């Protein structure tokens, strides 16, 4: 898994390539923590090159979501691979934030 993270004023841009597994979910958590420590109020997440996300990765995303929302942050998945899109919509995460294919 590779994670690219950049910031543009109050927006964080994160792109994940590969698979988020239980082995590397803490790397994902560390990158999400960088967003929390920044001035960003919007996280744009590009999952177009992400092949799968384990339950550990989804857990880290949900913990981040709760903390980010407490400071009026917003998450948008701008691009998603078909398999990740299906996974996230099946577990109803599209009710928490925007998920685009």
Protein backbone atom coordinates (compact mmCIF):
# COMPACT_ATOMS: atom_id res chain seq x y z
CA UNK A 1 0.00 0.00 0.00
CA UNK A 2 1.15 3.50 -0.80
CA UNK A 3 -0.51 6.67 0.50
CA UNK A 4 0.06 10.10 -1.01
CA UNK A 5 -1.13 13.03 1.12
CA UNK A 6 -1.06 16.69 0.22
CA UNK A 7 -2.74 19.82 1.51
CA UNK A 8 -4.30 22.77 -0.29
CA UNK A 9 -5.35 25.48 2.18
CA UNK A 10 -8.21 23.81 4.14
CA UNK A 11 -8.39 20.72 1.97
CA UNK A 12 -6.46 17.47 2.35
CA UNK A 13 -5.99 15.26 -0.70
CA UNK A 14 -5.24 11.60 -0.04
CA UNK A 15 -4.70 8.88 -2.64
CA UNK A 16 -4.31 5.23 -1.68
CA UNK A 17 -2.77 2.68 -4.02
CA UNK A 18 -2.85 -1.02 -3.24
CA UNK A 19 -4.75 -2.75 -0.46
CA UNK A 20 -5.43 -1.57 3.08
CA UNK A 21 -4.93 -4.61 5.29
CA UNK A 22 -4.77 -5.22 9.02
CA UNK A 23 -0.97 -5.20 8.65
CA UNK A 24 -0.80 -1.67 7.24
CA UNK A 25 -3.96 -0.09 8.71
CA UNK A 26 -1.83 1.79 11.25
CA UNK A 27 0.00 3.54 8.40
CA UNK A 28 -3.43 4.62 7.14
CA UNK A 29 -4.29 5.80 10.67
CA UNK A 30 -1.06 7.82 10.84
CA UNK A 31 -1.92 9.62 7.59
CA UNK A 32 -5.44 10.33 8.84
CA UNK A 33 -3.90 11.73 12.04
CA UNK A 34 -1.86 14.14 9.91
CA UNK A 35 -5.13 15.41 8.47
CA UNK A 36 -6.55 15.88 11.98
CA UNK A 37 -3.45 17.84 12.99
CA UNK A 38 -3.79 20.16 10.00
CA UNK A 39 -6.18 23.03 9.28
CA UNK A 40 -8.09 20.89 6.75
CA UNK A 41 -11.88 20.81 6.96
CA UNK A 42 -12.32 18.67 3.84
CA UNK A 43 -10.69 15.34 3.08
CA UNK A 44 -10.86 14.28 -0.56
CA UNK A 45 -10.01 10.60 -0.73
CA UNK A 46 -9.05 8.97 -4.04
CA UNK A 47 -9.51 5.20 -3.87
CA UNK A 48 -9.44 4.57 -7.63
CA UNK A 49 -6.21 2.54 -7.27
CA UNK A 50 -7.21 0.86 -4.00
CA UNK A 51 -7.98 -2.82 -4.51
CA UNK A 52 -9.61 -3.54 -1.14
CA UNK A 53 -9.96 -2.23 2.40
CA UNK A 54 -9.99 -4.60 5.36
CA UNK A 55 -12.26 -4.21 8.35
CA UNK A 56 -9.27 -2.71 10.21
CA UNK A 57 -8.94 -0.01 7.58
CA UNK A 58 -12.66 0.73 7.66
CA UNK A 59 -12.46 0.95 11.46
CA UNK A 60 -9.65 3.51 11.23
CA UNK A 61 -11.70 5.52 8.71
CA UNK A 62 -14.76 5.50 10.99
CA UNK A 63 -12.75 6.63 14.03
CA UNK A 64 -11.28 9.42 11.90
CA UNK A 65 -14.76 10.33 10.63
CA UNK A 66 -16.08 10.75 14.18
CA UNK A 67 -13.17 12.98 15.21
CA UNK A 68 -13.16 14.97 11.95
CA UNK A 69 -16.92 15.61 12.11
CA UNK A 70 -16.60 16.92 15.68
CA UNK A 71 -14.71 19.88 14.21
CA UNK A 72 -17.12 20.27 11.28
CA UNK A 73 -14.89 18.37 8.85
CA UNK A 74 -16.22 16.68 5.74
CA UNK A 75 -15.08 13.59 3.82
CA UNK A 76 -15.64 12.93 0.15
CA UNK A 77 -14.43 9.88 -1.71
CA UNK A 78 -13.85 11.49 -5.08
CA UNK A 79 -12.94 8.31 -6.96
CA UNK A 80 -13.26 4.66 -6.05
CA UNK A 81 -12.44 1.34 -7.65
CA UNK A 82 -15.59 -0.71 -8.36
CA UNK A 83 -14.81 -3.30 -5.66
CA UNK A 84 -14.17 -0.67 -2.97
CA UNK A 85 -17.26 1.28 -4.05
CA UNK A 86 -19.39 -1.85 -3.71
CA UNK A 87 -17.88 -2.63 -0.29
CA UNK A 88 -18.41 0.88 1.09
CA UNK A 89 -21.96 1.21 -0.22
CA UNK A 90 -22.87 -2.30 0.98
CA UNK A 91 -21.95 -1.34 4.53
CA UNK A 92 -23.86 1.95 4.07
CA UNK A 93 -20.93 4.34 4.43
CA UNK A 94 -22.50 6.35 1.62
CA UNK A 95 -24.98 7.51 4.27
CA UNK A 96 -22.11 9.18 6.17
CA UNK A 97 -20.23 10.79 3.30
CA UNK A 98 -20.19 11.10 -0.48
CA UNK A 99 -18.74 8.12 -2.34
CA UNK A 100 -18.13 8.45 -6.08
CA UNK A 101 -17.25 5.62 -8.43
